[in-house]
Amino acid sequence: AQQLGTPLSDQEYHQFFRSHRAARHASTACLLHALYGCQNPLVQRLDEYENHEVIPEGPICSELPGTPFFPNFCTFSFYRCTRKRYFIK
C-alpha cells in the first residue's frame, strides 16, 4: 500500500485512466476541472482517488522538464488537461 497523498504508481495510473482512454472521457474529466474548479466535490473525489485519498497541499513537483513545480495540485491537473498529457507525474 502506498502512503496517503502520494501519486499513483505507473500501474495505478494505467488503471485510473483506463476509463478515460477514449478522448471524450478524458475531455469530460478535464472539462469538469475547467468548469467547476477544484472545490467541486466530484473534482475533489477524482483528485483524491488519483493521490491515494488525499489531495496534496503546497507546491507539486513534477517530472516535466522546464516546469519543475506547480503551486498546487489543481494547477498541475489543469496543466495536464490543457496539454493532454494525462500520465505526467
N, C-alpha and C. Protein backbone atom coordinates (compact mmCIF):
# COMPACT_ATOMS: atom_id res chain seq x y z
N ALA A 1 0.84 -1.19 0.00
CA ALA A 1 0.00 0.00 0.00
C ALA A 1 0.87 1.24 0.00
N GLN A 2 0.46 2.22 -0.77
CA GLN A 2 1.21 3.47 -0.85
C GLN A 2 0.79 4.41 0.26
N GLN A 3 1.64 5.38 0.53
CA GLN A 3 1.36 6.38 1.56
C GLN A 3 0.29 7.35 1.07
N LEU A 4 -0.60 7.76 1.97
CA LEU A 4 -1.64 8.71 1.62
C LEU A 4 -1.03 9.97 1.03
N GLY A 5 -1.66 10.48 -0.02
CA GLY A 5 -1.21 11.72 -0.64
C GLY A 5 -0.11 11.57 -1.66
N THR A 6 0.39 10.35 -1.86
CA THR A 6 1.43 10.15 -2.86
C THR A 6 0.79 9.88 -4.21
N PRO A 7 1.49 10.22 -5.30
CA PRO A 7 0.94 9.94 -6.62
C PRO A 7 0.76 8.45 -6.85
N LEU A 8 -0.11 8.11 -7.75
CA LEU A 8 -0.30 6.72 -8.12
C LEU A 8 0.95 6.17 -8.78
N SER A 9 1.15 4.87 -8.67
CA SER A 9 2.26 4.23 -9.38
C SER A 9 1.90 4.17 -10.87
N ASP A 10 2.85 3.79 -11.69
CA ASP A 10 2.58 3.68 -13.13
C ASP A 10 1.42 2.73 -13.40
N GLN A 11 1.40 1.60 -12.71
CA GLN A 11 0.31 0.64 -12.89
C GLN A 11 -1.03 1.23 -12.42
N GLU A 12 -1.01 1.94 -11.31
CA GLU A 12 -2.23 2.56 -10.81
C GLU A 12 -2.73 3.66 -11.75
N TYR A 13 -1.80 4.43 -12.36
CA TYR A 13 -2.20 5.43 -13.35
C TYR A 13 -2.87 4.75 -14.54
N HIS A 14 -2.32 3.64 -14.95
CA HIS A 14 -2.92 2.89 -16.06
C HIS A 14 -4.36 2.53 -15.72
N GLN A 15 -4.57 2.03 -14.51
CA GLN A 15 -5.91 1.66 -14.05
C GLN A 15 -6.81 2.89 -13.96
N PHE A 16 -6.30 3.98 -13.38
CA PHE A 16 -7.07 5.20 -13.18
C PHE A 16 -7.57 5.77 -14.50
N PHE A 17 -6.68 5.79 -15.51
CA PHE A 17 -7.05 6.40 -16.78
C PHE A 17 -7.64 5.41 -17.77
N ARG A 18 -7.75 4.14 -17.38
CA ARG A 18 -8.33 3.15 -18.28
C ARG A 18 -9.72 3.59 -18.73
N SER A 19 -10.50 4.12 -17.81
CA SER A 19 -11.84 4.57 -18.18
C SER A 19 -11.80 5.90 -18.93
N HIS A 20 -10.64 6.55 -18.96
CA HIS A 20 -10.51 7.83 -19.64
C HIS A 20 -9.81 7.68 -21.00
N ARG A 21 -9.59 6.45 -21.44
CA ARG A 21 -8.82 6.25 -22.67
C ARG A 21 -9.45 6.91 -23.88
N ALA A 22 -10.73 6.77 -24.01
CA ALA A 22 -11.39 7.44 -25.13
C ALA A 22 -11.23 8.93 -24.93
N ALA A 23 -10.92 9.64 -26.00
CA ALA A 23 -10.66 11.07 -25.90
C ALA A 23 -11.81 11.81 -25.24
N ARG A 24 -13.02 11.38 -25.50
CA ARG A 24 -14.16 12.10 -24.90
C ARG A 24 -14.23 11.90 -23.40
N HIS A 25 -13.80 10.75 -22.89
CA HIS A 25 -13.80 10.55 -21.44
C HIS A 25 -12.75 11.43 -20.77
N ALA A 26 -11.57 11.49 -21.32
CA ALA A 26 -10.53 12.36 -20.77
C ALA A 26 -10.97 13.81 -20.88
N SER A 27 -11.57 14.17 -21.99
CA SER A 27 -12.05 15.54 -22.17
C SER A 27 -13.12 15.88 -21.15
N THR A 28 -13.98 14.94 -20.84
CA THR A 28 -15.04 15.18 -19.86
C THR A 28 -14.45 15.43 -18.48
N ALA A 29 -13.48 14.64 -18.06
CA ALA A 29 -12.84 14.84 -16.76
C ALA A 29 -12.15 16.20 -16.72
N CYS A 30 -11.50 16.57 -17.79
CA CYS A 30 -10.83 17.87 -17.85
C CYS A 30 -11.84 19.01 -17.88
N LEU A 31 -12.94 18.80 -18.56
CA LEU A 31 -13.98 19.82 -18.61
C LEU A 31 -14.55 20.07 -17.22
N LEU A 32 -14.71 19.00 -16.43
CA LEU A 32 -15.18 19.16 -15.05
C LEU A 32 -14.23 20.04 -14.25
N HIS A 33 -12.93 19.82 -14.41
CA HIS A 33 -11.94 20.66 -13.73
C HIS A 33 -12.08 22.11 -14.17
N ALA A 34 -12.20 22.32 -15.48
CA ALA A 34 -12.26 23.69 -16.00
C ALA A 34 -13.55 24.40 -15.62
N LEU A 35 -14.68 23.70 -15.70
CA LEU A 35 -15.97 24.33 -15.44
C LEU A 35 -16.25 24.56 -13.96
N TYR A 36 -15.94 23.56 -13.14
CA TYR A 36 -16.36 23.61 -11.75
C TYR A 36 -15.24 23.93 -10.78
N GLY A 37 -14.01 23.80 -11.20
CA GLY A 37 -12.89 24.12 -10.32
C GLY A 37 -12.63 23.05 -9.28
N CYS A 38 -11.63 23.31 -8.51
CA CYS A 38 -11.14 22.30 -7.57
C CYS A 38 -12.00 22.15 -6.32
N GLN A 39 -12.93 23.04 -6.10
CA GLN A 39 -13.78 22.93 -4.91
C GLN A 39 -14.99 22.05 -5.14
N ASN A 40 -15.24 21.65 -6.37
CA ASN A 40 -16.37 20.80 -6.70
C ASN A 40 -16.15 19.41 -6.10
N PRO A 41 -17.15 18.84 -5.42
CA PRO A 41 -16.97 17.53 -4.78
C PRO A 41 -16.57 16.41 -5.75
N LEU A 42 -17.11 16.41 -6.95
CA LEU A 42 -16.73 15.37 -7.91
C LEU A 42 -15.28 15.53 -8.34
N VAL A 43 -14.88 16.75 -8.60
CA VAL A 43 -13.49 17.03 -8.99
C VAL A 43 -12.56 16.65 -7.85
N GLN A 44 -12.94 17.02 -6.64
CA GLN A 44 -12.11 16.66 -5.48
C GLN A 44 -12.00 15.15 -5.33
N ARG A 45 -13.08 14.44 -5.56
CA ARG A 45 -13.04 12.97 -5.45
C ARG A 45 -12.10 12.37 -6.48
N LEU A 46 -12.13 12.89 -7.70
CA LEU A 46 -11.20 12.41 -8.73
C LEU A 46 -9.76 12.69 -8.33
N ASP A 47 -9.51 13.90 -7.82
CA ASP A 47 -8.15 14.26 -7.39
C ASP A 47 -7.70 13.41 -6.20
N GLU A 48 -8.61 13.15 -5.27
CA GLU A 48 -8.27 12.29 -4.14
C GLU A 48 -7.94 10.88 -4.60
N TYR A 49 -8.75 10.35 -5.50
CA TYR A 49 -8.51 8.99 -6.00
C TYR A 49 -7.14 8.90 -6.66
N GLU A 50 -6.80 9.94 -7.38
CA GLU A 50 -5.51 9.94 -8.08
C GLU A 50 -4.33 9.98 -7.13
N ASN A 51 -4.55 10.43 -5.90
CA ASN A 51 -3.46 10.61 -4.94
C ASN A 51 -3.66 9.82 -3.65
N HIS A 52 -4.19 8.62 -3.77
CA HIS A 52 -4.38 7.75 -2.60
C HIS A 52 -5.16 8.46 -1.50
N GLU A 53 -6.30 9.03 -1.87
CA GLU A 53 -7.31 9.57 -0.94
C GLU A 53 -6.97 10.91 -0.30
N VAL A 54 -5.88 11.57 -0.70
CA VAL A 54 -5.53 12.87 -0.14
C VAL A 54 -5.07 13.78 -1.27
N ILE A 55 -5.64 14.98 -1.36
CA ILE A 55 -5.17 15.96 -2.34
C ILE A 55 -3.93 16.62 -1.75
N PRO A 56 -2.78 16.51 -2.41
CA PRO A 56 -1.55 17.10 -1.86
C PRO A 56 -1.67 18.62 -1.72
N GLU A 57 -1.09 19.15 -0.66
CA GLU A 57 -1.06 20.59 -0.44
C GLU A 57 0.28 21.14 -0.89
N GLY A 58 0.30 22.44 -1.10
CA GLY A 58 1.55 23.12 -1.40
C GLY A 58 2.05 22.85 -2.79
N PRO A 59 3.29 23.21 -3.05
CA PRO A 59 3.85 23.02 -4.39
C PRO A 59 3.88 21.54 -4.78
N ILE A 60 3.59 21.29 -6.03
CA ILE A 60 3.62 19.94 -6.59
C ILE A 60 4.84 19.84 -7.50
N CYS A 61 5.76 18.97 -7.16
CA CYS A 61 6.93 18.75 -8.00
C CYS A 61 6.52 17.84 -9.15
N SER A 62 7.06 18.09 -10.33
CA SER A 62 6.71 17.27 -11.49
C SER A 62 7.96 16.76 -12.17
N GLU A 63 7.73 15.81 -13.07
CA GLU A 63 8.80 15.25 -13.88
C GLU A 63 8.92 15.99 -15.21
N LEU A 64 8.26 17.14 -15.33
CA LEU A 64 8.26 17.88 -16.58
C LEU A 64 9.53 18.73 -16.70
N PRO A 65 10.29 18.53 -17.76
CA PRO A 65 11.48 19.37 -17.95
C PRO A 65 11.06 20.82 -18.16
N GLY A 66 11.71 21.73 -17.45
CA GLY A 66 11.40 23.14 -17.59
C GLY A 66 10.21 23.60 -16.76
N THR A 67 9.45 22.68 -16.20
CA THR A 67 8.31 23.02 -15.34
C THR A 67 8.42 22.13 -14.10
N PRO A 68 9.34 22.45 -13.20
CA PRO A 68 9.61 21.55 -12.09
C PRO A 68 8.53 21.50 -11.01
N PHE A 69 7.74 22.58 -10.85
CA PHE A 69 6.71 22.52 -9.82
C PHE A 69 5.53 23.42 -10.17
N PHE A 70 4.42 23.12 -9.53
CA PHE A 70 3.18 23.88 -9.68
C PHE A 70 2.76 24.31 -8.27
N PRO A 71 2.06 25.44 -8.13
CA PRO A 71 1.71 25.93 -6.80
C PRO A 71 0.76 25.00 -6.03
N ASN A 72 -0.05 24.21 -6.74
CA ASN A 72 -0.97 23.29 -6.08
C ASN A 72 -1.38 22.19 -7.06
N PHE A 73 -2.07 21.19 -6.55
CA PHE A 73 -2.43 20.06 -7.40
C PHE A 73 -3.43 20.45 -8.48
N CYS A 74 -4.32 21.38 -8.17
CA CYS A 74 -5.31 21.82 -9.15
C CYS A 74 -4.62 22.43 -10.38
N THR A 75 -3.64 23.27 -10.15
CA THR A 75 -2.90 23.88 -11.25
C THR A 75 -2.20 22.81 -12.08
N PHE A 76 -1.62 21.83 -11.40
CA PHE A 76 -0.96 20.73 -12.08
C PHE A 76 -1.96 19.93 -12.92
N SER A 77 -3.12 19.61 -12.36
CA SER A 77 -4.14 18.88 -13.10
C SER A 77 -4.61 19.66 -14.32
N PHE A 78 -4.83 20.95 -14.13
CA PHE A 78 -5.28 21.78 -15.24
C PHE A 78 -4.23 21.83 -16.35
N TYR A 79 -2.95 21.92 -15.97
CA TYR A 79 -1.87 21.91 -16.95
C TYR A 79 -1.89 20.61 -17.75
N ARG A 80 -2.01 19.50 -17.06
CA ARG A 80 -2.05 18.21 -17.77
C ARG A 80 -3.23 18.16 -18.73
N CYS A 81 -4.36 18.68 -18.30
CA CYS A 81 -5.55 18.67 -19.16
C CYS A 81 -5.34 19.52 -20.40
N THR A 82 -4.81 20.72 -20.22
CA THR A 82 -4.64 21.61 -21.37
C THR A 82 -3.61 21.06 -22.34
N ARG A 83 -2.64 20.33 -21.85
CA ARG A 83 -1.59 19.75 -22.71
C ARG A 83 -1.94 18.33 -23.16
N LYS A 84 -3.03 17.77 -22.62
CA LYS A 84 -3.44 16.39 -22.93
C LYS A 84 -2.31 15.40 -22.64
N ARG A 85 -1.68 15.60 -21.50
CA ARG A 85 -0.58 14.73 -21.04
C ARG A 85 -1.01 14.10 -19.72
N TYR A 86 -1.95 13.18 -19.80
CA TYR A 86 -2.62 12.67 -18.63
C TYR A 86 -1.76 11.82 -17.71
N PHE A 87 -0.68 11.24 -18.22
CA PHE A 87 0.12 10.32 -17.41
C PHE A 87 1.36 10.99 -16.80
N ILE A 88 1.50 12.29 -17.00
CA ILE A 88 2.64 13.00 -16.41
C ILE A 88 2.48 13.04 -14.90
N LYS A 89 3.56 12.76 -14.21
CA LYS A 89 3.53 12.81 -12.73
C LYS A 89 4.28 14.05 -12.28
